[in-house]
Amino acid sequence: LGSVNRLVTSALDPISSMPAFKNAKVTARAVPTPERESHPDDARTG
């Protein structure tokens, strides 16, 4: 849930193919305490 690159669009620089990491547009709002999103292999690997 803390992975901010989930918000980055698929837009790319037409010359370098650099992704547009730095200017994702979002709405923001307060929410209750979230449930933790686990690592896919937490249970097996620790």
PDB file of all heavy atoms in Angstrom:
ATOM      1  N   LEU A   1       0.808  -1.211   0.000  1.00  0.00           N
ATOM      2  CA  LEU A   1       0.000   0.000   0.000  1.00  0.00           C
ATOM      3  C   LEU A   1       0.844   1.266   0.000  1.00  0.00           C
ATOM      4  O   LEU A   1       0.341   2.345  -0.297  1.00  0.00           O
ATOM      5  CB  LEU A   1      -0.933   0.007   1.214  1.00  0.00           C
ATOM      6  CG  LEU A   1      -2.116  -0.960   1.156  1.00  0.00           C
ATOM      7  CD1 LEU A   1      -2.864  -0.955   2.477  1.00  0.00           C
ATOM      8  CD2 LEU A   1      -3.055  -0.613   0.012  1.00  0.00           C
ATOM      9  N   GLY A   2       2.106   1.139   0.330  1.00  0.00           N
ATOM     10  CA  GLY A   2       2.994   2.299   0.315  1.00  0.00           C
ATOM     11  C   GLY A   2       3.751   2.474  -0.982  1.00  0.00           C
ATOM     12  O   GLY A   2       4.622   3.343  -1.085  1.00  0.00           O
ATOM     13  N   SER A   3       3.438   1.686  -2.005  1.00  0.00           N
ATOM     14  CA  SER A   3       4.178   1.716  -3.272  1.00  0.00           C
ATOM     15  C   SER A   3       3.673   2.849  -4.159  1.00  0.00           C
ATOM     16  O   SER A   3       2.706   2.707  -4.906  1.00  0.00           O
ATOM     17  CB  SER A   3       4.024   0.375  -3.998  1.00  0.00           C
ATOM     18  OG  SER A   3       4.702   0.390  -5.234  1.00  0.00           O
ATOM     19  N   VAL A   4       4.342   3.986  -4.087  1.00  0.00           N
ATOM     20  CA  VAL A   4       3.859   5.185  -4.775  1.00  0.00           C
ATOM     21  C   VAL A   4       3.905   5.040  -6.291  1.00  0.00           C
ATOM     22  O   VAL A   4       3.149   5.713  -7.005  1.00  0.00           O
ATOM     23  CB  VAL A   4       4.655   6.423  -4.302  1.00  0.00           C
ATOM     24  CG1 VAL A   4       6.095   6.374  -4.804  1.00  0.00           C
ATOM     25  CG2 VAL A   4       3.983   7.710  -4.740  1.00  0.00           C
ATOM     26  N   ASN A   5       4.759   4.150  -6.807  1.00  0.00           N
ATOM     27  CA  ASN A   5       4.820   3.989  -8.264  1.00  0.00           C
ATOM     28  C   ASN A   5       3.574   3.324  -8.836  1.00  0.00           C
ATOM     29  O   ASN A   5       3.423   3.237 -10.052  1.00  0.00           O
ATOM     30  CB  ASN A   5       6.074   3.210  -8.660  1.00  0.00           C
ATOM     31  CG  ASN A   5       7.319   4.070  -8.568  1.00  0.00           C
ATOM     32  OD1 ASN A   5       7.240   5.294  -8.599  1.00  0.00           O
ATOM     33  ND2 ASN A   5       8.472   3.442  -8.438  1.00  0.00           N
ATOM     34  N   ARG A   6       2.657   2.875  -7.975  1.00  0.00           N
ATOM     35  CA  ARG A   6       1.347   2.436  -8.445  1.00  0.00           C
ATOM     36  C   ARG A   6       0.577   3.585  -9.092  1.00  0.00           C
ATOM     37  O   ARG A   6      -0.340   3.365  -9.876  1.00  0.00           O
ATOM     38  CB  ARG A   6       0.518   1.907  -7.271  1.00  0.00           C
ATOM     39  CG  ARG A   6       1.004   0.621  -6.649  1.00  0.00           C
ATOM     40  CD  ARG A   6       0.125   0.252  -5.475  1.00  0.00           C
ATOM     41  NE  ARG A   6       0.404  -1.082  -4.979  1.00  0.00           N
ATOM     42  CZ  ARG A   6      -0.428  -1.769  -4.208  1.00  0.00           C
ATOM     43  NH1 ARG A   6      -1.584  -1.233  -3.855  1.00  0.00           N
ATOM     44  NH2 ARG A   6      -0.115  -2.974  -3.791  1.00  0.00           N
ATOM     45  N   LEU A   7       0.916   4.821  -8.706  1.00  0.00           N
ATOM     46  CA  LEU A   7       0.176   5.989  -9.166  1.00  0.00           C
ATOM     47  C   LEU A   7       0.737   6.580 -10.449  1.00  0.00           C
ATOM     48  O   LEU A   7       0.122   7.481 -11.036  1.00  0.00           O
ATOM     49  CB  LEU A   7       0.191   7.064  -8.074  1.00  0.00           C
ATOM     50  CG  LEU A   7      -0.347   6.637  -6.701  1.00  0.00           C
ATOM     51  CD1 LEU A   7      -0.113   7.740  -5.681  1.00  0.00           C
ATOM     52  CD2 LEU A   7      -1.819   6.280  -6.780  1.00  0.00           C
ATOM     53  N   VAL A   8       1.904   6.101 -10.881  1.00  0.00           N
ATOM     54  CA  VAL A   8       2.571   6.673 -12.056  1.00  0.00           C
ATOM     55  C   VAL A   8       1.887   6.177 -13.325  1.00  0.00           C
ATOM     56  O   VAL A   8       1.654   4.981 -13.493  1.00  0.00           O
ATOM     57  CB  VAL A   8       4.063   6.302 -12.061  1.00  0.00           C
ATOM     58  CG1 VAL A   8       4.741   6.797 -13.332  1.00  0.00           C
ATOM     59  CG2 VAL A   8       4.748   6.880 -10.827  1.00  0.00           C
ATOM     60  N   THR A   9       1.592   7.079 -14.220  1.00  0.00           N
ATOM     61  CA  THR A   9       0.915   6.709 -15.458  1.00  0.00           C
ATOM     62  C   THR A   9       1.878   6.030 -16.423  1.00  0.00           C
ATOM     63  O   THR A   9       3.085   5.964 -16.186  1.00  0.00           O
ATOM     64  CB  THR A   9       0.320   7.941 -16.151  1.00  0.00           C
ATOM     65  OG1 THR A   9       1.394   8.718 -16.719  1.00  0.00           O
ATOM     66  CG2 THR A   9      -0.467   8.798 -15.179  1.00  0.00           C
ATOM     67  N   SER A  10       1.344   5.552 -17.539  1.00  0.00           N
ATOM     68  CA  SER A  10       2.157   4.902 -18.557  1.00  0.00           C
ATOM     69  C   SER A  10       2.749   5.896 -19.550  1.00  0.00           C
ATOM     70  O   SER A  10       3.355   5.483 -20.547  1.00  0.00           O
ATOM     71  CB  SER A  10       1.320   3.855 -19.301  1.00  0.00           C
ATOM     72  OG  SER A  10       0.828   2.886 -18.403  1.00  0.00           O
ATOM     73  N   ALA A  11       2.590   7.193 -19.307  1.00  0.00           N
ATOM     74  CA  ALA A  11       3.138   8.208 -20.205  1.00  0.00           C
ATOM     75  C   ALA A  11       4.661   8.151 -20.205  1.00  0.00           C
ATOM     76  O   ALA A  11       5.283   8.000 -19.153  1.00  0.00           O
ATOM     77  CB  ALA A  11       2.662   9.592 -19.794  1.00  0.00           C
ATOM     78  N   LEU A  12       5.267   8.282 -21.388  1.00  0.00           N
ATOM     79  CA  LEU A  12       6.719   8.213 -21.529  1.00  0.00           C
ATOM     80  C   LEU A  12       7.229   9.424 -22.294  1.00  0.00           C
ATOM     81  O   LEU A  12       6.540   9.968 -23.165  1.00  0.00           O
ATOM     82  CB  LEU A  12       7.128   6.938 -22.276  1.00  0.00           C
ATOM     83  CG  LEU A  12       6.699   5.593 -21.684  1.00  0.00           C
ATOM     84  CD1 LEU A  12       7.087   4.463 -22.627  1.00  0.00           C
ATOM     85  CD2 LEU A  12       7.324   5.384 -20.318  1.00  0.00           C
ATOM     86  N   ASP A  13       8.444   9.822 -21.996  1.00  0.00           N
ATOM     87  CA  ASP A  13       9.128  10.834 -22.797  1.00  0.00           C
ATOM     88  C   ASP A  13       9.293  10.282 -24.209  1.00  0.00           C
ATOM     89  O   ASP A  13       9.808   9.177 -24.391  1.00  0.00           O
ATOM     90  CB  ASP A  13      10.492  11.133 -22.170  1.00  0.00           C
ATOM     91  CG  ASP A  13      11.248  12.234 -22.878  1.00  0.00           C
ATOM     92  OD1 ASP A  13      11.557  12.067 -24.079  1.00  0.00           O
ATOM     93  OD2 ASP A  13      11.574  13.245 -22.236  1.00  0.00           O
ATOM     94  N   PRO A  14       8.876  11.014 -25.236  1.00  0.00           N
ATOM     95  CA  PRO A  14       8.934  10.468 -26.596  1.00  0.00           C
ATOM     96  C   PRO A  14      10.344  10.255 -27.128  1.00  0.00           C
ATOM     97  O   PRO A  14      10.534   9.522 -28.105  1.00  0.00           O
ATOM     98  CB  PRO A  14       8.187  11.525 -27.425  1.00  0.00           C
ATOM     99  CG  PRO A  14       8.304  12.786 -26.625  1.00  0.00           C
ATOM    100  CD  PRO A  14       8.298  12.355 -25.193  1.00  0.00           C
ATOM    101  N   ILE A  15      11.338  10.864 -26.506  1.00  0.00           N
ATOM    102  CA  ILE A  15      12.717  10.734 -26.977  1.00  0.00           C
ATOM    103  C   ILE A  15      13.474   9.696 -26.162  1.00  0.00           C
ATOM    104  O   ILE A  15      14.127   8.809 -26.712  1.00  0.00           O
ATOM    105  CB  ILE A  15      13.438  12.096 -26.913  1.00  0.00           C
ATOM    106  CG1 ILE A  15      12.712  13.126 -27.786  1.00  0.00           C
ATOM    107  CG2 ILE A  15      14.904  11.960 -27.351  1.00  0.00           C
ATOM    108  CD1 ILE A  15      13.203  14.545 -27.602  1.00  0.00           C
ATOM    109  N   SER A  16      13.376   9.771 -24.842  1.00  0.00           N
ATOM    110  CA  SER A  16      14.174   8.904 -23.973  1.00  0.00           C
ATOM    111  C   SER A  16      13.418   7.696 -23.448  1.00  0.00           C
ATOM    112  O   SER A  16      14.019   6.785 -22.881  1.00  0.00           O
ATOM    113  CB  SER A  16      14.674   9.711 -22.768  1.00  0.00           C
ATOM    114  OG  SER A  16      13.586  10.097 -21.938  1.00  0.00           O
ATOM    115  N   SER A  17      12.104   7.696 -23.586  1.00  0.00           N
ATOM    116  CA  SER A  17      11.225   6.673 -22.993  1.00  0.00           C
ATOM    117  C   SER A  17      11.289   6.681 -21.475  1.00  0.00           C
ATOM    118  O   SER A  17      11.014   5.671 -20.824  1.00  0.00           O
ATOM    119  CB  SER A  17      11.552   5.271 -23.533  1.00  0.00           C
ATOM    120  OG  SER A  17      11.308   5.199 -24.918  1.00  0.00           O
ATOM    121  N   MET A  18      11.626   7.808 -20.890  1.00  0.00           N
ATOM    122  CA  MET A  18      11.585   7.977 -19.443  1.00  0.00           C
ATOM    123  C   MET A  18      10.137   8.047 -18.983  1.00  0.00           C
ATOM    124  O   MET A  18       9.346   8.817 -19.525  1.00  0.00           O
ATOM    125  CB  MET A  18      12.313   9.260 -19.041  1.00  0.00           C
ATOM    126  CG  MET A  18      12.112   9.680 -17.591  1.00  0.00           C
ATOM    127  SD  MET A  18      12.923   8.603 -16.402  1.00  0.00           S
ATOM    128  CE  MET A  18      14.600   9.242 -16.498  1.00  0.00           C
ATOM    129  N   PRO A  19       9.745   7.268 -17.969  1.00  0.00           N
ATOM    130  CA  PRO A  19       8.399   7.401 -17.412  1.00  0.00           C
ATOM    131  C   PRO A  19       8.237   8.720 -16.660  1.00  0.00           C
ATOM    132  O   PRO A  19       9.197   9.298 -16.157  1.00  0.00           O
ATOM    133  CB  PRO A  19       8.299   6.215 -16.447  1.00  0.00           C
ATOM    134  CG  PRO A  19       9.364   5.262 -16.890  1.00  0.00           C
ATOM    135  CD  PRO A  19      10.474   6.116 -17.420  1.00  0.00           C
ATOM    136  N   ALA A  20       6.996   9.161 -16.557  1.00  0.00           N
ATOM    137  CA  ALA A  20       6.692  10.424 -15.876  1.00  0.00           C
ATOM    138  C   ALA A  20       6.481  10.161 -14.395  1.00  0.00           C
ATOM    139  O   ALA A  20       5.373  10.252 -13.860  1.00  0.00           O
ATOM    140  CB  ALA A  20       5.456  11.068 -16.500  1.00  0.00           C
ATOM    141  N   PHE A  21       7.563   9.854 -13.687  1.00  0.00           N
ATOM    142  CA  PHE A  21       7.488   9.504 -12.270  1.00  0.00           C
ATOM    143  C   PHE A  21       7.057  10.676 -11.388  1.00  0.00           C
ATOM    144  O   PHE A  21       6.458  10.477 -10.335  1.00  0.00           O
ATOM    145  CB  PHE A  21       8.856   9.028 -11.766  1.00  0.00           C
ATOM    146  CG  PHE A  21       9.227   7.639 -12.178  1.00  0.00           C
ATOM    147  CD1 PHE A  21      10.171   7.416 -13.176  1.00  0.00           C
ATOM    148  CD2 PHE A  21       8.659   6.543 -11.564  1.00  0.00           C
ATOM    149  CE1 PHE A  21      10.534   6.131 -13.542  1.00  0.00           C
ATOM    150  CE2 PHE A  21       9.006   5.256 -11.919  1.00  0.00           C
ATOM    151  CZ  PHE A  21       9.948   5.043 -12.915  1.00  0.00           C
ATOM    152  N   LYS A  22       7.401  11.908 -11.777  1.00  0.00           N
ATOM    153  CA  LYS A  22       7.375  13.009 -10.828  1.00  0.00           C
ATOM    154  C   LYS A  22       6.099  13.848 -10.838  1.00  0.00           C
ATOM    155  O   LYS A  22       6.031  14.819 -10.080  1.00  0.00           O
ATOM    156  CB  LYS A  22       8.558  13.943 -11.095  1.00  0.00           C
ATOM    157  CG  LYS A  22       9.930  13.297 -10.930  1.00  0.00           C
ATOM    158  CD  LYS A  22      10.197  12.850  -9.526  1.00  0.00           C
ATOM    159  CE  LYS A  22      11.635  12.375  -9.365  1.00  0.00           C
ATOM    160  NZ  LYS A  22      11.881  11.767  -8.057  1.00  0.00           N
ATOM    161  N   ASN A  23       5.129  13.540 -11.642  1.00  0.00           N
ATOM    162  CA  ASN A  23       3.969  14.442 -11.658  1.00  0.00           C
ATOM    163  C   ASN A  23       2.648  13.699 -11.810  1.00  0.00           C
ATOM    164  O   ASN A  23       1.767  14.113 -12.547  1.00  0.00           O
ATOM    165  CB  ASN A  23       4.113  15.497 -12.753  1.00  0.00           C
ATOM    166  CG  ASN A  23       4.229  14.889 -14.140  1.00  0.00           C
ATOM    167  OD1 ASN A  23       4.464  13.696 -14.296  1.00  0.00           O
ATOM    168  ND2 ASN A  23       4.058  15.717 -15.162  1.00  0.00           N
ATOM    169  N   ALA A  24       2.490  12.582 -11.077  1.00  0.00           N
ATOM    170  CA  ALA A  24       1.200  11.913 -11.044  1.00  0.00           C
ATOM    171  C   ALA A  24       0.185  12.814 -10.344  1.00  0.00           C
ATOM    172  O   ALA A  24       0.469  13.404  -9.310  1.00  0.00           O
ATOM    173  CB  ALA A  24       1.313  10.576 -10.322  1.00  0.00           C
ATOM    174  N   LYS A  25      -0.993  12.932 -10.915  1.00  0.00           N
ATOM    175  CA  LYS A  25      -2.059  13.733 -10.330  1.00  0.00           C
ATOM    176  C   LYS A  25      -2.996  12.816  -9.559  1.00  0.00           C
ATOM    177  O   LYS A  25      -3.428  11.785 -10.070  1.00  0.00           O
ATOM    178  CB  LYS A  25      -2.834  14.475 -11.420  1.00  0.00           C
ATOM    179  CG  LYS A  25      -1.956  15.297 -12.357  1.00  0.00           C
ATOM    180  CD  LYS A  25      -1.142  16.332 -11.600  1.00  0.00           C
ATOM    181  CE  LYS A  25      -0.352  17.211 -12.539  1.00  0.00           C
ATOM    182  NZ  LYS A  25       0.689  16.490 -13.289  1.00  0.00           N
ATOM    183  N   VAL A  26      -3.304  13.176  -8.324  1.00  0.00           N
ATOM    184  CA  VAL A  26      -4.114  12.319  -7.465  1.00  0.00           C
ATOM    185  C   VAL A  26      -5.131  13.136  -6.694  1.00  0.00           C
ATOM    186  O   VAL A  26      -4.983  14.345  -6.524  1.00  0.00           O
ATOM    187  CB  VAL A  26      -3.239  11.545  -6.449  1.00  0.00           C
ATOM    188  CG1 VAL A  26      -2.256  10.637  -7.156  1.00  0.00           C
ATOM    189  CG2 VAL A  26      -2.510  12.496  -5.508  1.00  0.00           C
ATOM    190  N   THR A  27      -6.164  12.454  -6.242  1.00  0.00           N
ATOM    191  CA  THR A  27      -7.000  13.015  -5.198  1.00  0.00           C
ATOM    192  C   THR A  27      -6.537  12.444  -3.871  1.00  0.00           C
ATOM    193  O   THR A  27      -6.011  11.331  -3.802  1.00  0.00           O
ATOM    194  CB  THR A  27      -8.481  12.682  -5.417  1.00  0.00           C
ATOM    195  OG1 THR A  27      -8.639  11.261  -5.476  1.00  0.00           O
ATOM    196  CG2 THR A  27      -8.980  13.317  -6.704  1.00  0.00           C
ATOM    197  N   ALA A  28      -6.730  13.215  -2.823  1.00  0.00           N
ATOM    198  CA  ALA A  28      -6.267  12.804  -1.501  1.00  0.00           C
ATOM    199  C   ALA A  28      -7.386  12.975  -0.493  1.00  0.00           C
ATOM    200  O   ALA A  28      -8.121  13.965  -0.530  1.00  0.00           O
ATOM    201  CB  ALA A  28      -5.061  13.654  -1.090  1.00  0.00           C
ATOM    202  N   ARG A  29      -7.510  11.995   0.397  1.00  0.00           N
ATOM    203  CA  ARG A  29      -8.523  12.113   1.437  1.00  0.00           C
ATOM    204  C   ARG A  29      -8.122  11.275   2.650  1.00  0.00           C
ATOM    205  O   ARG A  29      -7.354  10.321   2.540  1.00  0.00           O
ATOM    206  CB  ARG A  29      -9.890  11.678   0.930  1.00  0.00           C
ATOM    207  CG  ARG A  29      -9.970  10.227   0.520  1.00  0.00           C
ATOM    208  CD  ARG A  29     -11.355   9.925  -0.025  1.00  0.00           C
ATOM    209  NE  ARG A  29     -11.452   8.566  -0.513  1.00  0.00           N
ATOM    210  CZ  ARG A  29     -12.530   8.080  -1.104  1.00  0.00           C
ATOM    211  NH1 ARG A  29     -13.582   8.849  -1.292  1.00  0.00           N
ATOM    212  NH2 ARG A  29     -12.555   6.836  -1.525  1.00  0.00           N
ATOM    213  N   ALA A  30      -8.661  11.652   3.782  1.00  0.00           N
ATOM    214  CA  ALA A  30      -8.395  10.925   5.013  1.00  0.00           C
ATOM    215  C   ALA A  30      -9.146   9.604   5.003  1.00  0.00           C
ATOM    216  O   ALA A  30     -10.280   9.521   4.526  1.00  0.00           O
ATOM    217  CB  ALA A  30      -8.819  11.766   6.216  1.00  0.00           C
ATOM    218  N   VAL A  31      -8.502   8.562   5.544  1.00  0.00           N
ATOM    219  CA  VAL A  31      -9.123   7.242   5.627  1.00  0.00           C
ATOM    220  C   VAL A  31      -8.791   6.631   6.979  1.00  0.00           C
ATOM    221  O   VAL A  31      -7.841   7.046   7.653  1.00  0.00           O
ATOM    222  CB  VAL A  31      -8.629   6.308   4.497  1.00  0.00           C
ATOM    223  CG1 VAL A  31      -9.102   6.803   3.142  1.00  0.00           C
ATOM    224  CG2 VAL A  31      -7.104   6.172   4.528  1.00  0.00           C
ATOM    225  N   PRO A  32      -9.563   5.616   7.387  1.00  0.00           N
ATOM    226  CA  PRO A  32      -9.228   4.926   8.637  1.00  0.00           C
ATOM    227  C   PRO A  32      -7.937   4.132   8.485  1.00  0.00           C
ATOM    228  O   PRO A  32      -7.390   3.984   7.392  1.00  0.00           O
ATOM    229  CB  PRO A  32     -10.432   3.986   8.851  1.00  0.00           C
ATOM    230  CG  PRO A  32     -11.474   4.441   7.899  1.00  0.00           C
ATOM    231  CD  PRO A  32     -10.787   5.121   6.776  1.00  0.00           C
ATOM    232  N   THR A  33      -7.476   3.558   9.600  1.00  0.00           N
ATOM    233  CA  THR A  33      -6.281   2.725   9.573  1.00  0.00           C
ATOM    234  C   THR A  33      -6.478   1.570   8.603  1.00  0.00           C
ATOM    235  O   THR A  33      -7.447   0.813   8.720  1.00  0.00           O
ATOM    236  CB  THR A  33      -5.977   2.165  10.972  1.00  0.00           C
ATOM    237  OG1 THR A  33      -5.818   3.254  11.868  1.00  0.00           O
ATOM    238  CG2 THR A  33      -4.708   1.316  10.949  1.00  0.00           C
ATOM    239  N   PRO A  34      -5.591   1.411   7.599  1.00  0.00           N
ATOM    240  CA  PRO A  34      -5.783   0.356   6.606  1.00  0.00           C
ATOM    241  C   PRO A  34      -5.289  -0.989   7.113  1.00  0.00           C
ATOM    242  O   PRO A  34      -4.470  -1.068   8.035  1.00  0.00           O
ATOM    243  CB  PRO A  34      -4.910   0.825   5.440  1.00  0.00           C
ATOM    244  CG  PRO A  34      -3.778   1.541   6.116  1.00  0.00           C
ATOM    245  CD  PRO A  34      -4.391   2.215   7.336  1.00  0.00           C
ATOM    246  N   GLU A  35      -5.808  -2.043   6.511  1.00  0.00           N
ATOM    247  CA  GLU A  35      -5.227  -3.354   6.745  1.00  0.00           C
ATOM    248  C   GLU A  35      -3.926  -3.441   5.966  1.00  0.00           C
ATOM    249  O   GLU A  35      -3.835  -2.990   4.834  1.00  0.00           O
ATOM    250  CB  GLU A  35      -6.180  -4.457   6.293  1.00  0.00           C
ATOM    251  CG  GLU A  35      -7.441  -4.561   7.125  1.00  0.00           C
ATOM    252  CD  GLU A  35      -8.286  -5.752   6.720  1.00  0.00           C
ATOM    253  OE1 GLU A  35      -7.785  -6.584   5.933  1.00  0.00           O
ATOM    254  OE2 GLU A  35      -9.433  -5.847   7.185  1.00  0.00           O
ATOM    255  N   ARG A  36      -2.925  -4.056   6.590  1.00  0.00           N
ATOM    256  CA  ARG A  36      -1.618  -4.178   5.939  1.00  0.00           C
ATOM    257  C   ARG A  36      -1.723  -5.057   4.709  1.00  0.00           C
ATOM    258  O   ARG A  36      -2.338  -6.115   4.744  1.00  0.00           O
ATOM    259  CB  ARG A  36      -0.606  -4.782   6.921  1.00  0.00           C
ATOM    260  CG  ARG A  36       0.776  -5.005   6.344  1.00  0.00           C
ATOM    261  CD  ARG A  36       1.663  -5.590   7.447  1.00  0.00           C
ATOM    262  NE  ARG A  36       3.004  -5.861   6.980  1.00  0.00           N
ATOM    263  CZ  ARG A  36       3.348  -6.977   6.362  1.00  0.00           C
ATOM    264  NH1 ARG A  36       2.459  -7.898   6.105  1.00  0.00           N
ATOM    265  NH2 ARG A  36       4.608  -7.160   5.983  1.00  0.00           N
ATOM    266  N   GLU A  37      -1.110  -4.627   3.622  1.00  0.00           N
ATOM    267  CA  GLU A  37      -1.034  -5.452   2.413  1.00  0.00           C
ATOM    268  C   GLU A  37       0.263  -6.233   2.472  1.00  0.00           C
ATOM    269  O   GLU A  37       1.349  -5.663   2.485  1.00  0.00           O
ATOM    270  CB  GLU A  37      -1.077  -4.582   1.163  1.00  0.00           C
ATOM    271  CG  GLU A  37      -1.075  -5.398  -0.120  1.00  0.00           C
ATOM    272  CD  GLU A  37      -1.334  -4.516  -1.331  1.00  0.00           C
ATOM    273  OE1 GLU A  37      -2.292  -3.727  -1.287  1.00  0.00           O
ATOM    274  OE2 GLU A  37      -0.585  -4.633  -2.302  1.00  0.00           O
ATOM    275  N   SER A  38       0.174  -7.537   2.507  1.00  0.00           N
ATOM    276  CA  SER A  38       1.354  -8.355   2.783  1.00  0.00           C
ATOM    277  C   SER A  38       2.212  -8.555   1.557  1.00  0.00           C
ATOM    278  O   SER A  38       1.764  -8.436   0.429  1.00  0.00           O
ATOM    279  CB  SER A  38       0.927  -9.720   3.326  1.00  0.00           C
ATOM    280  OG  SER A  38       0.199 -10.431   2.346  1.00  0.00           O
ATOM    281  N   HIS A  39       3.468  -8.856   1.822  1.00  0.00           N
ATOM    282  CA  HIS A  39       4.407  -9.321   0.812  1.00  0.00           C
ATOM    283  C   HIS A  39       3.893 -10.652   0.275  1.00  0.00           C
ATOM    284  O   HIS A  39       3.380 -11.470   1.035  1.00  0.00           O
ATOM    285  CB  HIS A  39       5.772  -9.498   1.486  1.00  0.00           C
ATOM    286  CG  HIS A  39       6.892  -9.864   0.570  1.00  0.00           C
ATOM    287  ND1 HIS A  39       6.939 -11.046  -0.119  1.00  0.00           N
ATOM    288  CD2 HIS A  39       8.032  -9.195   0.253  1.00  0.00           C
ATOM    289  CE1 HIS A  39       8.054 -11.102  -0.813  1.00  0.00           C
ATOM    290  NE2 HIS A  39       8.730  -9.987  -0.604  1.00  0.00           N
ATOM    291  N   PRO A  40       3.972 -10.914  -1.026  1.00  0.00           N
ATOM    292  CA  PRO A  40       3.428 -12.148  -1.583  1.00  0.00           C
ATOM    293  C   PRO A  40       3.963 -13.414  -0.937  1.00  0.00           C
ATOM    294  O   PRO A  40       3.294 -14.437  -0.934  1.00  0.00           O
ATOM    295  CB  PRO A  40       3.838 -12.074  -3.066  1.00  0.00           C
ATOM    296  CG  PRO A  40       3.990 -10.621  -3.338  1.00  0.00           C
ATOM    297  CD  PRO A  40       4.505 -10.028  -2.062  1.00  0.00           C
ATOM    298  N   ASP A  41       5.175 -13.360  -0.377  1.00  0.00           N
ATOM    299  CA  ASP A  41       5.738 -14.567   0.198  1.00  0.00           C
ATOM    300  C   ASP A  41       6.019 -14.444   1.690  1.00  0.00           C
ATOM    301  O   ASP A  41       6.837 -15.163   2.237  1.00  0.00           O
ATOM    302  CB  ASP A  41       7.047 -14.947  -0.531  1.00  0.00           C
ATOM    303  CG  ASP A  41       6.787 -15.954  -1.638  1.00  0.00           C
ATOM    304  OD1 ASP A  41       5.629 -16.323  -1.830  1.00  0.00           O
ATOM    305  OD2 ASP A  41       7.756 -16.362  -2.291  1.00  0.00           O
ATOM    306  N   ASP A  42       5.318 -13.548   2.371  1.00  0.00           N
ATOM    307  CA  ASP A  42       5.554 -13.368   3.807  1.00  0.00           C
ATOM    308  C   ASP A  42       5.500 -14.688   4.572  1.00  0.00           C
ATOM    309  O   ASP A  42       6.370 -15.000   5.376  1.00  0.00           O
ATOM    310  CB  ASP A  42       4.483 -12.449   4.401  1.00  0.00           C
ATOM    311  CG  ASP A  42       4.878 -10.988   4.270  1.00  0.00           C
ATOM    312  OD1 ASP A  42       5.990 -10.734   3.802  1.00  0.00           O
ATOM    313  OD2 ASP A  42       4.072 -10.130   4.630  1.00  0.00           O
ATOM    314  N   ALA A  43       4.447 -15.441   4.333  1.00  0.00           N
ATOM    315  CA  ALA A  43       4.224 -16.639   5.138  1.00  0.00           C
ATOM    316  C   ALA A  43       5.321 -17.671   4.945  1.00  0.00           C
ATOM    317  O   ALA A  43       5.675 -18.406   5.859  1.00  0.00           O
ATOM    318  CB  ALA A  43       2.868 -17.251   4.780  1.00  0.00           C
ATOM    319  N   ARG A  44       5.872 -17.723   3.724  1.00  0.00           N
ATOM    320  CA  ARG A  44       6.863 -18.765   3.442  1.00  0.00           C
ATOM    321  C   ARG A  44       8.275 -18.356   3.806  1.00  0.00           C
ATOM    322  O   ARG A  44       9.102 -19.193   4.116  1.00  0.00           O
ATOM    323  CB  ARG A  44       6.802 -19.131   1.948  1.00  0.00           C
ATOM    324  CG  ARG A  44       5.527 -19.832   1.551  1.00  0.00           C
ATOM    325  CD  ARG A  44       5.697 -20.471   0.179  1.00  0.00           C
ATOM    326  NE  ARG A  44       5.755 -19.482  -0.882  1.00  0.00           N
ATOM    327  CZ  ARG A  44       4.688 -19.005  -1.510  1.00  0.00           C
ATOM    328  NH1 ARG A  44       3.484 -19.386  -1.161  1.00  0.00           N
ATOM    329  NH2 ARG A  44       4.808 -18.136  -2.482  1.00  0.00           N
ATOM    330  N   THR A  45       8.570 -17.063   3.743  1.00  0.00           N
ATOM    331  CA  THR A  45       9.966 -16.652   3.857  1.00  0.00           C
ATOM    332  C   THR A  45      10.283 -15.813   5.073  1.00  0.00           C
ATOM    333  O   THR A  45      11.440 -15.677   5.449  1.00  0.00           O
ATOM    334  CB  THR A  45      10.372 -15.818   2.630  1.00  0.00           C
ATOM    335  OG1 THR A  45       9.662 -14.581   2.687  1.00  0.00           O
ATOM    336  CG2 THR A  45      10.037 -16.533   1.337  1.00  0.00           C
ATOM    337  N   GLY A  46       9.283 -15.191   5.647  1.00  0.00           N
ATOM    338  CA  GLY A  46       9.574 -14.254   6.733  1.00  0.00           C
ATOM    339  C   GLY A  46      10.300 -13.023   6.243  1.00  0.00           C
ATOM    340  O   GLY A  46      10.962 -12.338   7.010  1.00  0.00           O
TER     341      GLY A  46
END
